[in-house]
């Protein structure tokens, strides 16, 4: 099993096409001298009619990858389990393997032997395996950069290398005759295991700040699988606002903006206002404790409040909003909030 640590960033400027996005990324220092690999990824997700995997916070998919949609490669099967998520930073379990040539369906034997399935009693496990069926799909073009970034590890300036895979994904989620866009960047740690978690994760935040200087983006928590399930069901379940917990408030705000991106046409300003309430409560709590992140929480609250007052639900989607979001996350993390 691989322990995946990644940072997800949603692109909020819908007017930019692939060429314009790639041109802006080419100006970022960390990407200088690297050429992205372009692939087409077609993914089908599976679950039972009762959504047993989703309820257990697991996602099962078959992926076919090729140079483009007309040149698919071999199938790979992946099971992901949910772990911790803080401000867009994810840590979770993942098992992935290639299927034999010619196989077009799930490898149930391989799935049966994985720890999450072995944790079930035989009867429920076999019932689950027998009930699995396709539930939604995510098809997108990926541009991936393999980066080796440096981090300072000692007070005298000694540095170390940390591997990061950066992926730009552009495409669609489809379910039950509905679809929504995929426009996101994922940053995943692929090395530097001998460094502290704080040092390794700091590399992701630094790179994210460089991206935010060239693109309008924001931290996102919702996986493609969760977005597919919400699209399939035609609803998004909101997180309760816990005004005593700064991390919970931040998570609720990010989750609401994810929902707003996918559900605005159906739900109007509902999720915009939920995010506004979460950021407002967070700003009040940080002000009470004289936390340095207060200024960023206020800026985010004001941007959403202004868009509500002007009746322009997307006017907050700016590069400055993304920069304040990342600065707020950094401030909360540094204070152990």
C-alpha atoms as a PDB file:
ATOM      1  CA  UNK A   1       0.000   0.000   0.000  1.00  0.00           C
ATOM      2  CA  UNK A   2       1.166   3.541  -0.790  1.00  0.00           C
ATOM      3  CA  UNK A   3       0.409   6.387   1.627  1.00  0.00           C
ATOM      4  CA  UNK A   4      -0.651   9.195  -0.661  1.00  0.00           C
ATOM      5  CA  UNK A   5      -0.102  12.811   0.412  1.00  0.00           C
ATOM      6  CA  UNK A   6      -1.447  15.365  -2.025  1.00  0.00           C
ATOM      7  CA  UNK A   7      -2.785  18.895  -2.273  1.00  0.00           C
ATOM      8  CA  UNK A   8      -5.760  19.559  -4.530  1.00  0.00           C
ATOM      9  CA  UNK A   9      -6.352  22.978  -6.090  1.00  0.00           C
ATOM     10  CA  UNK A  10      -9.448  23.871  -8.112  1.00  0.00           C
ATOM     11  CA  UNK A  11      -9.056  26.360 -10.962  1.00  0.00           C
ATOM     12  CA  UNK A  12     -11.708  29.047 -10.596  1.00  0.00           C
ATOM     13  CA  UNK A  13     -11.194  31.067 -13.808  1.00  0.00           C
ATOM     14  CA  UNK A  14     -13.489  29.214 -16.213  1.00  0.00           C
ATOM     15  CA  UNK A  15     -12.598  31.531 -19.103  1.00  0.00           C
ATOM     16  CA  UNK A  16      -9.095  30.096 -19.454  1.00  0.00           C
ATOM     17  CA  UNK A  17      -8.641  27.247 -21.909  1.00  0.00           C
ATOM     18  CA  UNK A  18      -5.965  24.575 -21.882  1.00  0.00           C
ATOM     19  CA  UNK A  19      -3.462  26.580 -23.959  1.00  0.00           C
ATOM     20  CA  UNK A  20      -3.755  29.687 -21.777  1.00  0.00           C
ATOM     21  CA  UNK A  21      -3.383  27.648 -18.586  1.00  0.00           C
ATOM     22  CA  UNK A  22      -0.265  25.897 -19.891  1.00  0.00           C
ATOM     23  CA  UNK A  23       1.229  29.224 -20.955  1.00  0.00           C
ATOM     24  CA  UNK A  24       0.779  30.632 -17.451  1.00  0.00           C
ATOM     25  CA  UNK A  25       2.244  27.512 -15.865  1.00  0.00           C
ATOM     26  CA  UNK A  26       5.313  27.799 -18.112  1.00  0.00           C
ATOM     27  CA  UNK A  27       6.197  31.060 -16.317  1.00  0.00           C
ATOM     28  CA  UNK A  28       6.497  29.387 -12.891  1.00  0.00           C
ATOM     29  CA  UNK A  29      10.089  28.990 -11.703  1.00  0.00           C
ATOM     30  CA  UNK A  30       9.608  25.516 -10.190  1.00  0.00           C
ATOM     31  CA  UNK A  31       8.466  24.185 -13.579  1.00  0.00           C
ATOM     32  CA  UNK A  32      11.341  25.686 -15.579  1.00  0.00           C
ATOM     33  CA  UNK A  33      13.146  23.156 -17.749  1.00  0.00           C
ATOM     34  CA  UNK A  34      10.501  20.446 -17.322  1.00  0.00           C
ATOM     35  CA  UNK A  35       8.123  19.195 -19.997  1.00  0.00           C
ATOM     36  CA  UNK A  36       4.789  17.725 -18.941  1.00  0.00           C
ATOM     37  CA  UNK A  37       3.661  14.331 -20.108  1.00  0.00           C
ATOM     38  CA  UNK A  38       0.213  14.448 -21.728  1.00  0.00           C
ATOM     39  CA  UNK A  39      -2.214  11.560 -21.240  1.00  0.00           C
ATOM     40  CA  UNK A  40      -5.914  10.836 -21.575  1.00  0.00           C
ATOM     41  CA  UNK A  41      -7.468   9.077 -18.565  1.00  0.00           C
ATOM     42  CA  UNK A  42     -10.819   7.301 -18.751  1.00  0.00           C
ATOM     43  CA  UNK A  43     -12.084   6.122 -15.355  1.00  0.00           C
ATOM     44  CA  UNK A  44     -15.095   4.063 -14.334  1.00  0.00           C
ATOM     45  CA  UNK A  45     -16.020   3.924 -10.647  1.00  0.00           C
ATOM     46  CA  UNK A  46     -17.808   0.976  -9.050  1.00  0.00           C
ATOM     47  CA  UNK A  47     -20.019   0.542  -5.995  1.00  0.00           C
ATOM     48  CA  UNK A  48     -22.961  -1.498  -4.804  1.00  0.00           C
ATOM     49  CA  UNK A  49     -26.572  -0.320  -5.282  1.00  0.00           C
ATOM     50  CA  UNK A  50     -26.544   0.611  -1.574  1.00  0.00           C
ATOM     51  CA  UNK A  51     -23.279   2.578  -2.006  1.00  0.00           C
ATOM     52  CA  UNK A  52     -21.441   0.341   0.471  1.00  0.00           C
ATOM     53  CA  UNK A  53     -17.975   1.513  -0.584  1.00  0.00           C
ATOM     54  CA  UNK A  54     -18.963   5.153  -0.440  1.00  0.00           C
ATOM     55  CA  UNK A  55     -20.380   4.737   3.061  1.00  0.00           C
ATOM     56  CA  UNK A  56     -17.093   3.093   4.083  1.00  0.00           C
ATOM     57  CA  UNK A  57     -15.226   6.074   2.551  1.00  0.00           C
ATOM     58  CA  UNK A  58     -13.622   3.945  -0.152  1.00  0.00           C
ATOM     59  CA  UNK A  59     -13.429   4.425  -3.921  1.00  0.00           C
ATOM     60  CA  UNK A  60     -12.893   1.651  -6.483  1.00  0.00           C
ATOM     61  CA  UNK A  61     -12.082   2.422 -10.104  1.00  0.00           C
ATOM     62  CA  UNK A  62     -10.850   0.974 -13.368  1.00  0.00           C
ATOM     63  CA  UNK A  63      -8.623   3.341 -15.338  1.00  0.00           C
ATOM     64  CA  UNK A  64      -7.569   3.200 -18.963  1.00  0.00           C
ATOM     65  CA  UNK A  65      -4.776   5.567 -19.964  1.00  0.00           C
ATOM     66  CA  UNK A  66      -3.466   6.511 -23.386  1.00  0.00           C
ATOM     67  CA  UNK A  67      -1.934   9.320 -25.437  1.00  0.00           C
ATOM     68  CA  UNK A  68      -5.465  10.418 -26.353  1.00  0.00           C
ATOM     69  CA  UNK A  69      -9.064   9.225 -26.204  1.00  0.00           C
ATOM     70  CA  UNK A  70      -8.571   7.117 -29.364  1.00  0.00           C
ATOM     71  CA  UNK A  71      -5.423   5.318 -28.164  1.00  0.00           C
ATOM     72  CA  UNK A  72      -6.310   3.684 -24.836  1.00  0.00           C
ATOM     73  CA  UNK A  73      -3.754   1.664 -22.927  1.00  0.00           C
ATOM     74  CA  UNK A  74      -4.135  -1.235 -20.474  1.00  0.00           C
ATOM     75  CA  UNK A  75      -6.555  -1.218 -17.562  1.00  0.00           C
ATOM     76  CA  UNK A  76      -5.420  -0.537 -14.000  1.00  0.00           C
ATOM     77  CA  UNK A  77      -7.528  -1.153 -10.914  1.00  0.00           C
ATOM     78  CA  UNK A  78      -7.324   1.097  -7.853  1.00  0.00           C
ATOM     79  CA  UNK A  79      -8.863   1.046  -4.399  1.00  0.00           C
ATOM     80  CA  UNK A  80      -8.523   4.185  -2.274  1.00  0.00           C
ATOM     81  CA  UNK A  81      -9.465   4.551   1.351  1.00  0.00           C
ATOM     82  CA  UNK A  82     -10.188   7.853   3.032  1.00  0.00           C
ATOM     83  CA  UNK A  83      -7.710   9.178   5.582  1.00  0.00           C
ATOM     84  CA  UNK A  84      -7.150  12.668   6.918  1.00  0.00           C
ATOM     85  CA  UNK A  85      -7.922  15.843   5.009  1.00  0.00           C
ATOM     86  CA  UNK A  86      -6.894  19.301   6.193  1.00  0.00           C
ATOM     87  CA  UNK A  87      -7.391  22.342   4.007  1.00  0.00           C
ATOM     88  CA  UNK A  88      -7.045  20.422   0.770  1.00  0.00           C
ATOM     89  CA  UNK A  89      -4.105  18.294   1.986  1.00  0.00           C
ATOM     90  CA  UNK A  90      -4.950  14.596   1.874  1.00  0.00           C
ATOM     91  CA  UNK A  91      -3.363  11.495   3.402  1.00  0.00           C
ATOM     92  CA  UNK A  92      -4.986   8.178   2.486  1.00  0.00           C
ATOM     93  CA  UNK A  93      -4.370   4.545   1.578  1.00  0.00           C
ATOM     94  CA  UNK A  94      -4.106   3.407  -2.033  1.00  0.00           C
ATOM     95  CA  UNK A  95      -3.684   0.036  -3.762  1.00  0.00           C
ATOM     96  CA  UNK A  96      -3.205  -0.095  -7.536  1.00  0.00           C
ATOM     97  CA  UNK A  97      -2.303  -2.832  -9.997  1.00  0.00           C
ATOM     98  CA  UNK A  98      -2.452  -3.607 -13.722  1.00  0.00           C
ATOM     99  CA  UNK A  99      -5.016  -6.079 -15.043  1.00  0.00           C
ATOM    100  CA  UNK A 100      -4.005  -8.883 -17.437  1.00  0.00           C
ATOM    101  CA  UNK A 101      -4.225  -8.176 -21.167  1.00  0.00           C
ATOM    102  CA  UNK A 102      -7.723  -8.761 -22.440  1.00  0.00           C
ATOM    103  CA  UNK A 103      -9.471  -8.428 -19.074  1.00  0.00           C
ATOM    104  CA  UNK A 104     -12.209  -5.804 -19.192  1.00  0.00           C
ATOM    105  CA  UNK A 105     -13.901  -6.236 -15.808  1.00  0.00           C
ATOM    106  CA  UNK A 106     -12.916  -5.958 -12.181  1.00  0.00           C
ATOM    107  CA  UNK A 107     -10.247  -8.196 -10.665  1.00  0.00           C
ATOM    108  CA  UNK A 108     -12.372  -9.460  -7.772  1.00  0.00           C
ATOM    109  CA  UNK A 109      -9.714 -11.894  -6.539  1.00  0.00           C
ATOM    110  CA  UNK A 110      -7.156  -9.113  -6.230  1.00  0.00           C
ATOM    111  CA  UNK A 111      -9.694  -6.903  -4.510  1.00  0.00           C
ATOM    112  CA  UNK A 112     -10.726  -9.669  -2.122  1.00  0.00           C
ATOM    113  CA  UNK A 113      -7.186  -9.956  -0.752  1.00  0.00           C
ATOM    114  CA  UNK A 114      -6.752  -6.299   0.223  1.00  0.00           C
ATOM    115  CA  UNK A 115      -6.815  -5.362   3.942  1.00  0.00           C
ATOM    116  CA  UNK A 116     -10.026  -3.257   3.804  1.00  0.00           C
ATOM    117  CA  UNK A 117     -11.908  -6.214   2.314  1.00  0.00           C
ATOM    118  CA  UNK A 118     -10.206  -8.780   4.533  1.00  0.00           C
ATOM    119  CA  UNK A 119     -11.435  -6.788   7.534  1.00  0.00           C
ATOM    120  CA  UNK A 120     -14.987  -7.857   6.616  1.00  0.00           C
ATOM    121  CA  UNK A 121     -16.499 -11.209   7.513  1.00  0.00           C
ATOM    122  CA  UNK A 122     -16.647 -13.623   4.586  1.00  0.00           C
ATOM    123  CA  UNK A 123     -20.413 -13.400   4.041  1.00  0.00           C
ATOM    124  CA  UNK A 124     -20.676  -9.597   3.843  1.00  0.00           C
ATOM    125  CA  UNK A 125     -17.438  -9.448   1.833  1.00  0.00           C
ATOM    126  CA  UNK A 126     -18.668 -11.845  -0.841  1.00  0.00           C
ATOM    127  CA  UNK A 127     -22.033 -10.122  -0.996  1.00  0.00           C
ATOM    128  CA  UNK A 128     -20.305  -6.779  -1.541  1.00  0.00           C
ATOM    129  CA  UNK A 129     -18.008  -8.154  -4.244  1.00  0.00           C
ATOM    130  CA  UNK A 130     -20.922  -9.734  -6.088  1.00  0.00           C
ATOM    131  CA  UNK A 131     -22.965  -6.518  -6.066  1.00  0.00           C
ATOM    132  CA  UNK A 132     -20.325  -4.168  -7.513  1.00  0.00           C
ATOM    133  CA  UNK A 133     -21.390  -2.325 -10.674  1.00  0.00           C
ATOM    134  CA  UNK A 134     -20.405   0.845 -12.603  1.00  0.00           C
ATOM    135  CA  UNK A 135     -21.839   3.996 -11.029  1.00  0.00           C
ATOM    136  CA  UNK A 136     -20.171   7.042 -12.693  1.00  0.00           C
ATOM    137  CA  UNK A 137     -17.198   8.034 -14.837  1.00  0.00           C
ATOM    138  CA  UNK A 138     -14.485  10.696 -14.945  1.00  0.00           C
ATOM    139  CA  UNK A 139     -12.749  11.345 -18.257  1.00  0.00           C
ATOM    140  CA  UNK A 140     -10.008  13.951 -18.462  1.00  0.00           C
ATOM    141  CA  UNK A 141      -6.786  15.024 -20.096  1.00  0.00           C
ATOM    142  CA  UNK A 142      -3.818  15.124 -17.734  1.00  0.00           C
ATOM    143  CA  UNK A 143      -0.591  17.091 -18.095  1.00  0.00           C
ATOM    144  CA  UNK A 144       1.895  15.778 -15.513  1.00  0.00           C
ATOM    145  CA  UNK A 145       5.207  17.283 -14.413  1.00  0.00           C
ATOM    146  CA  UNK A 146       7.826  15.278 -12.475  1.00  0.00           C
ATOM    147  CA  UNK A 147       9.596  17.774 -10.235  1.00  0.00           C
ATOM    148  CA  UNK A 148      12.549  17.630  -7.849  1.00  0.00           C
ATOM    149  CA  UNK A 149      12.240  20.566  -5.459  1.00  0.00           C
ATOM    150  CA  UNK A 150      14.593  21.638  -2.681  1.00  0.00           C
ATOM    151  CA  UNK A 151      13.803  22.382   0.934  1.00  0.00           C
ATOM    152  CA  UNK A 152      16.040  23.897   3.620  1.00  0.00           C
ATOM    153  CA  UNK A 153      16.471  21.336   6.403  1.00  0.00           C
ATOM    154  CA  UNK A 154      19.019  22.933   8.775  1.00  0.00           C
ATOM    155  CA  UNK A 155      19.599  26.366  10.261  1.00  0.00           C
ATOM    156  CA  UNK A 156      22.885  26.701   8.363  1.00  0.00           C
ATOM    157  CA  UNK A 157      21.065  26.418   5.031  1.00  0.00           C
ATOM    158  CA  UNK A 158      21.576  22.735   4.164  1.00  0.00           C
ATOM    159  CA  UNK A 159      19.015  21.575   1.618  1.00  0.00           C
ATOM    160  CA  UNK A 160      17.446  18.298   0.524  1.00  0.00           C
ATOM    161  CA  UNK A 161      15.437  17.210  -2.490  1.00  0.00           C
ATOM    162  CA  UNK A 162      11.746  16.338  -2.436  1.00  0.00           C
ATOM    163  CA  UNK A 163       9.977  14.711  -5.375  1.00  0.00           C
ATOM    164  CA  UNK A 164       6.618  16.139  -6.397  1.00  0.00           C
ATOM    165  CA  UNK A 165       4.282  15.092  -9.190  1.00  0.00           C
ATOM    166  CA  UNK A 166       2.122  17.940 -10.424  1.00  0.00           C
ATOM    167  CA  UNK A 167      -0.912  17.087 -12.539  1.00  0.00           C
ATOM    168  CA  UNK A 168      -3.247  19.432 -14.399  1.00  0.00           C
ATOM    169  CA  UNK A 169      -6.567  17.675 -15.067  1.00  0.00           C
ATOM    170  CA  UNK A 170      -9.137  19.053 -17.533  1.00  0.00           C
ATOM    171  CA  UNK A 171     -12.277  17.103 -18.425  1.00  0.00           C
ATOM    172  CA  UNK A 172     -15.679  15.992 -17.127  1.00  0.00           C
ATOM    173  CA  UNK A 173     -17.437  13.950 -14.464  1.00  0.00           C
ATOM    174  CA  UNK A 174     -20.493  12.106 -15.809  1.00  0.00           C
ATOM    175  CA  UNK A 175     -23.299  10.309 -13.969  1.00  0.00           C
ATOM    176  CA  UNK A 176     -27.004   9.639 -14.465  1.00  0.00           C
ATOM    177  CA  UNK A 177     -27.118  11.712 -17.647  1.00  0.00           C
ATOM    178  CA  UNK A 178     -25.552  14.732 -15.920  1.00  0.00           C
ATOM    179  CA  UNK A 179     -22.031  16.128 -16.084  1.00  0.00           C
ATOM    180  CA  UNK A 180     -19.773  18.747 -14.537  1.00  0.00           C
ATOM    181  CA  UNK A 181     -16.299  20.057 -15.356  1.00  0.00           C
ATOM    182  CA  UNK A 182     -12.947  18.900 -14.024  1.00  0.00           C
ATOM    183  CA  UNK A 183     -10.503  21.823 -13.778  1.00  0.00           C
ATOM    184  CA  UNK A 184      -7.935  21.107 -11.095  1.00  0.00           C
ATOM    185  CA  UNK A 185      -4.285  20.752 -10.207  1.00  0.00           C
ATOM    186  CA  UNK A 186      -3.042  18.007  -7.895  1.00  0.00           C
ATOM    187  CA  UNK A 187       0.343  18.131  -6.181  1.00  0.00           C
ATOM    188  CA  UNK A 188       1.530  14.777  -4.817  1.00  0.00           C
ATOM    189  CA  UNK A 189       4.661  14.018  -2.809  1.00  0.00           C
ATOM    190  CA  UNK A 190       6.765  11.261  -4.379  1.00  0.00           C
ATOM    191  CA  UNK A 191       9.983  11.473  -2.340  1.00  0.00           C
ATOM    192  CA  UNK A 192      11.796  12.987   0.626  1.00  0.00           C
ATOM    193  CA  UNK A 193      10.610  10.273   3.002  1.00  0.00           C
ATOM    194  CA  UNK A 194      13.561  10.895   5.330  1.00  0.00           C
ATOM    195  CA  UNK A 195      12.370  14.447   6.029  1.00  0.00           C
ATOM    196  CA  UNK A 196       9.773  15.517   8.568  1.00  0.00           C
ATOM    197  CA  UNK A 197       6.128  15.707   7.540  1.00  0.00           C
ATOM    198  CA  UNK A 198       6.204  19.462   8.079  1.00  0.00           C
ATOM    199  CA  UNK A 199       9.200  19.881   5.740  1.00  0.00           C
ATOM    200  CA  UNK A 200       7.692  17.674   3.028  1.00  0.00           C
ATOM    201  CA  UNK A 201       4.248  19.252   3.170  1.00  0.00           C
ATOM    202  CA  UNK A 202       5.822  22.702   3.185  1.00  0.00           C
ATOM    203  CA  UNK A 203       7.148  21.971  -0.309  1.00  0.00           C
ATOM    204  CA  UNK A 204       3.580  21.469  -1.536  1.00  0.00           C
ATOM    205  CA  UNK A 205       2.372  24.731  -0.004  1.00  0.00           C
ATOM    206  CA  UNK A 206       5.307  26.684  -1.446  1.00  0.00           C
ATOM    207  CA  UNK A 207       4.619  25.319  -4.928  1.00  0.00           C
ATOM    208  CA  UNK A 208       0.915  26.079  -4.487  1.00  0.00           C
ATOM    209  CA  UNK A 209       1.737  29.693  -3.673  1.00  0.00           C
ATOM    210  CA  UNK A 210       3.768  29.941  -6.897  1.00  0.00           C
ATOM    211  CA  UNK A 211       0.807  28.572  -8.844  1.00  0.00           C
ATOM    212  CA  UNK A 212      -1.525  31.057  -7.146  1.00  0.00           C
ATOM    213  CA  UNK A 213       0.660  33.907  -8.388  1.00  0.00           C
ATOM    214  CA  UNK A 214      -0.225  32.972 -11.989  1.00  0.00           C
ATOM    215  CA  UNK A 215      -3.677  31.371 -11.783  1.00  0.00           C
ATOM    216  CA  UNK A 216      -6.956  31.944  -9.964  1.00  0.00           C
ATOM    217  CA  UNK A 217      -7.355  28.827  -7.849  1.00  0.00           C
ATOM    218  CA  UNK A 218      -8.472  27.644  -4.439  1.00  0.00           C
ATOM    219  CA  UNK A 219      -7.855  24.644  -2.171  1.00  0.00           C
ATOM    220  CA  UNK A 220     -10.380  21.859  -2.730  1.00  0.00           C
ATOM    221  CA  UNK A 221     -11.246  18.763  -0.713  1.00  0.00           C
ATOM    222  CA  UNK A 222     -13.774  16.940  -2.891  1.00  0.00           C
ATOM    223  CA  UNK A 223     -12.279  14.050  -4.825  1.00  0.00           C
ATOM    224  CA  UNK A 224     -13.442  13.203  -8.326  1.00  0.00           C
ATOM    225  CA  UNK A 225     -15.138  10.164  -6.805  1.00  0.00           C
ATOM    226  CA  UNK A 226     -17.090  12.251  -4.301  1.00  0.00           C
ATOM    227  CA  UNK A 227     -18.109  14.693  -7.014  1.00  0.00           C
ATOM    228  CA  UNK A 228     -19.269  11.788  -9.172  1.00  0.00           C
ATOM    229  CA  UNK A 229     -21.365  10.371  -6.334  1.00  0.00           C
ATOM    230  CA  UNK A 230     -22.961  13.776  -5.681  1.00  0.00           C
ATOM    231  CA  UNK A 231     -23.719  14.151  -9.386  1.00  0.00           C
ATOM    232  CA  UNK A 232     -25.216  10.673  -9.472  1.00  0.00           C
ATOM    233  CA  UNK A 233     -27.442  11.381  -6.461  1.00  0.00           C
ATOM    234  CA  UNK A 234     -28.287  14.952  -7.438  1.00  0.00           C
ATOM    235  CA  UNK A 235     -27.382  16.302  -3.998  1.00  0.00           C
ATOM    236  CA  UNK A 236     -24.444  17.399  -1.849  1.00  0.00           C
ATOM    237  CA  UNK A 237     -24.442  16.872   1.902  1.00  0.00           C
ATOM    238  CA  UNK A 238     -23.249  19.898   3.840  1.00  0.00           C
ATOM    239  CA  UNK A 239     -20.878  19.850   6.786  1.00  0.00           C
ATOM    240  CA  UNK A 240     -22.178  21.213  10.087  1.00  0.00           C
ATOM    241  CA  UNK A 241     -20.579  24.467  11.229  1.00  0.00           C
ATOM    242  CA  UNK A 242     -18.677  23.767  14.444  1.00  0.00           C
ATOM    243  CA  UNK A 243     -17.763  27.262  15.618  1.00  0.00           C
ATOM    244  CA  UNK A 244     -15.446  25.903  18.323  1.00  0.00           C
ATOM    245  CA  UNK A 245     -13.068  24.194  15.884  1.00  0.00           C
ATOM    246  CA  UNK A 246     -11.064  26.285  13.396  1.00  0.00           C
ATOM    247  CA  UNK A 247     -10.134  23.265  11.271  1.00  0.00           C
ATOM    248  CA  UNK A 248     -13.783  22.205  11.063  1.00  0.00           C
ATOM    249  CA  UNK A 249     -14.815  25.703   9.997  1.00  0.00           C
ATOM    250  CA  UNK A 250     -12.149  25.787   7.309  1.00  0.00           C
ATOM    251  CA  UNK A 251     -13.154  22.328   6.075  1.00  0.00           C
ATOM    252  CA  UNK A 252     -16.793  23.392   5.927  1.00  0.00           C
ATOM    253  CA  UNK A 253     -15.911  26.503   3.915  1.00  0.00           C
ATOM    254  CA  UNK A 254     -13.797  24.578   1.403  1.00  0.00           C
ATOM    255  CA  UNK A 255     -16.452  21.884   1.098  1.00  0.00           C
ATOM    256  CA  UNK A 256     -19.144  24.497   0.461  1.00  0.00           C
ATOM    257  CA  UNK A 257     -17.095  26.110  -2.311  1.00  0.00           C
ATOM    258  CA  UNK A 258     -16.655  22.658  -3.886  1.00  0.00           C
ATOM    259  CA  UNK A 259     -20.427  22.233  -3.795  1.00  0.00           C
ATOM    260  CA  UNK A 260     -20.989  25.749  -5.172  1.00  0.00           C
ATOM    261  CA  UNK A 261     -18.797  24.944  -8.174  1.00  0.00           C
ATOM    262  CA  UNK A 262     -20.860  21.873  -9.054  1.00  0.00           C
ATOM    263  CA  UNK A 263     -24.314  22.819  -7.762  1.00  0.00           C
ATOM    264  CA  UNK A 264     -24.778  26.558  -8.374  1.00  0.00           C
ATOM    265  CA  UNK A 265     -27.143  26.030 -11.307  1.00  0.00           C
ATOM    266  CA  UNK A 266     -29.415  23.867  -9.132  1.00  0.00           C
ATOM    267  CA  UNK A 267     -28.924  25.445  -5.698  1.00  0.00           C
ATOM    268  CA  UNK A 268     -28.297  29.109  -6.590  1.00  0.00           C
ATOM    269  CA  UNK A 269     -26.483  30.803  -3.653  1.00  0.00           C
ATOM    270  CA  UNK A 270     -27.006  28.112  -1.013  1.00  0.00           C
ATOM    271  CA  UNK A 271     -23.430  26.851  -0.968  1.00  0.00           C
ATOM    272  CA  UNK A 272     -21.950  30.309  -1.514  1.00  0.00           C
ATOM    273  CA  UNK A 273     -23.756  31.460   1.636  1.00  0.00           C
ATOM    274  CA  UNK A 274     -22.674  28.359   3.568  1.00  0.00           C
ATOM    275  CA  UNK A 275     -19.041  29.151   2.726  1.00  0.00           C
ATOM    276  CA  UNK A 276     -19.589  32.783   3.707  1.00  0.00           C
ATOM    277  CA  UNK A 277     -20.989  31.731   7.103  1.00  0.00           C
ATOM    278  CA  UNK A 278     -18.045  29.382   7.713  1.00  0.00           C
ATOM    279  CA  UNK A 279     -15.390  31.967   6.814  1.00  0.00           C
ATOM    280  CA  UNK A 280     -17.186  34.629   8.886  1.00  0.00           C
ATOM    281  CA  UNK A 281     -17.268  32.367  11.951  1.00  0.00           C
ATOM    282  CA  UNK A 282     -13.622  31.465  11.390  1.00  0.00           C
ATOM    283  CA  UNK A 283     -12.636  35.144  11.147  1.00  0.00           C
ATOM    284  CA  UNK A 284     -14.422  35.895  14.439  1.00  0.00           C
ATOM    285  CA  UNK A 285     -12.748  33.017  16.233  1.00  0.00           C
ATOM    286  CA  UNK A 286      -9.279  33.922  14.953  1.00  0.00           C
ATOM    287  CA  UNK A 287      -9.808  37.583  15.876  1.00  0.00           C
ATOM    288  CA  UNK A 288     -10.743  36.586  19.429  1.00  0.00           C
ATOM    289  CA  UNK A 289      -7.450  34.713  19.803  1.00  0.00           C
ATOM    290  CA  UNK A 290      -5.411  37.387  17.966  1.00  0.00           C
ATOM    291  CA  UNK A 291      -4.348  34.756  15.437  1.00  0.00           C
ATOM    292  CA  UNK A 292      -2.304  36.109  12.475  1.00  0.00           C
ATOM    293  CA  UNK A 293      -4.554  34.201  10.057  1.00  0.00           C
ATOM    294  CA  UNK A 294      -7.391  36.557  10.995  1.00  0.00           C
ATOM    295  CA  UNK A 295      -6.548  39.055   8.250  1.00  0.00           C
ATOM    296  CA  UNK A 296      -6.845  36.379   5.563  1.00  0.00           C
ATOM    297  CA  UNK A 297     -10.127  34.996   6.932  1.00  0.00           C
ATOM    298  CA  UNK A 298     -11.530  38.550   6.909  1.00  0.00           C
ATOM    299  CA  UNK A 299     -10.428  39.073   3.293  1.00  0.00           C
ATOM    300  CA  UNK A 300     -12.130  35.829   2.223  1.00  0.00           C
ATOM    301  CA  UNK A 301     -15.290  36.760   4.108  1.00  0.00           C
ATOM    302  CA  UNK A 302     -15.377  40.216   2.530  1.00  0.00           C
ATOM    303  CA  UNK A 303     -14.902  38.810  -0.984  1.00  0.00           C
ATOM    304  CA  UNK A 304     -17.842  36.419  -0.591  1.00  0.00           C
ATOM    305  CA  UNK A 305     -19.983  39.052   1.142  1.00  0.00           C
ATOM    306  CA  UNK A 306     -19.360  41.560  -1.647  1.00  0.00           C
ATOM    307  CA  UNK A 307     -20.286  39.036  -4.332  1.00  0.00           C
ATOM    308  CA  UNK A 308     -23.520  38.292  -2.431  1.00  0.00           C
ATOM    309  CA  UNK A 309     -24.414  41.986  -2.098  1.00  0.00           C
ATOM    310  CA  UNK A 310     -23.720  42.675  -5.775  1.00  0.00           C
ATOM    311  CA  UNK A 311     -25.597  39.580  -6.955  1.00  0.00           C
ATOM    312  CA  UNK A 312     -22.494  38.269  -8.747  1.00  0.00           C
ATOM    313  CA  UNK A 313     -21.938  34.794  -7.238  1.00  0.00           C
ATOM    314  CA  UNK A 314     -18.636  34.197  -9.032  1.00  0.00           C
ATOM    315  CA  UNK A 315     -16.925  37.580  -8.655  1.00  0.00           C
ATOM    316  CA  UNK A 316     -14.928  36.274  -5.670  1.00  0.00           C
ATOM    317  CA  UNK A 317     -13.129  33.774  -7.956  1.00  0.00           C
ATOM    318  CA  UNK A 318      -9.882  35.734  -8.262  1.00  0.00           C
ATOM    319  CA  UNK A 319      -6.176  35.095  -7.852  1.00  0.00           C
ATOM    320  CA  UNK A 320      -6.232  37.238  -4.690  1.00  0.00           C
ATOM    321  CA  UNK A 321      -8.898  34.979  -3.155  1.00  0.00           C
ATOM    322  CA  UNK A 322      -6.693  31.956  -3.801  1.00  0.00           C
ATOM    323  CA  UNK A 323      -3.641  33.673  -2.329  1.00  0.00           C
ATOM    324  CA  UNK A 324      -5.528  34.570   0.851  1.00  0.00           C
ATOM    325  CA  UNK A 325      -6.825  30.984   1.073  1.00  0.00           C
ATOM    326  CA  UNK A 326      -3.330  29.532   0.945  1.00  0.00           C
ATOM    327  CA  UNK A 327      -1.974  32.123   3.391  1.00  0.00           C
ATOM    328  CA  UNK A 328      -4.765  31.264   5.813  1.00  0.00           C
ATOM    329  CA  UNK A 329      -3.932  27.568   5.589  1.00  0.00           C
ATOM    330  CA  UNK A 330      -0.257  28.264   6.190  1.00  0.00           C
ATOM    331  CA  UNK A 331      -1.035  30.447   9.198  1.00  0.00           C
ATOM    332  CA  UNK A 332      -3.312  27.843  10.770  1.00  0.00           C
ATOM    333  CA  UNK A 333      -0.767  25.075  10.185  1.00  0.00           C
ATOM    334  CA  UNK A 334       2.163  27.019  11.623  1.00  0.00           C
ATOM    335  CA  UNK A 335       0.243  27.725  14.835  1.00  0.00           C
ATOM    336  CA  UNK A 336      -0.922  24.107  15.127  1.00  0.00           C
ATOM    337  CA  UNK A 337      -4.560  25.115  14.807  1.00  0.00           C
END
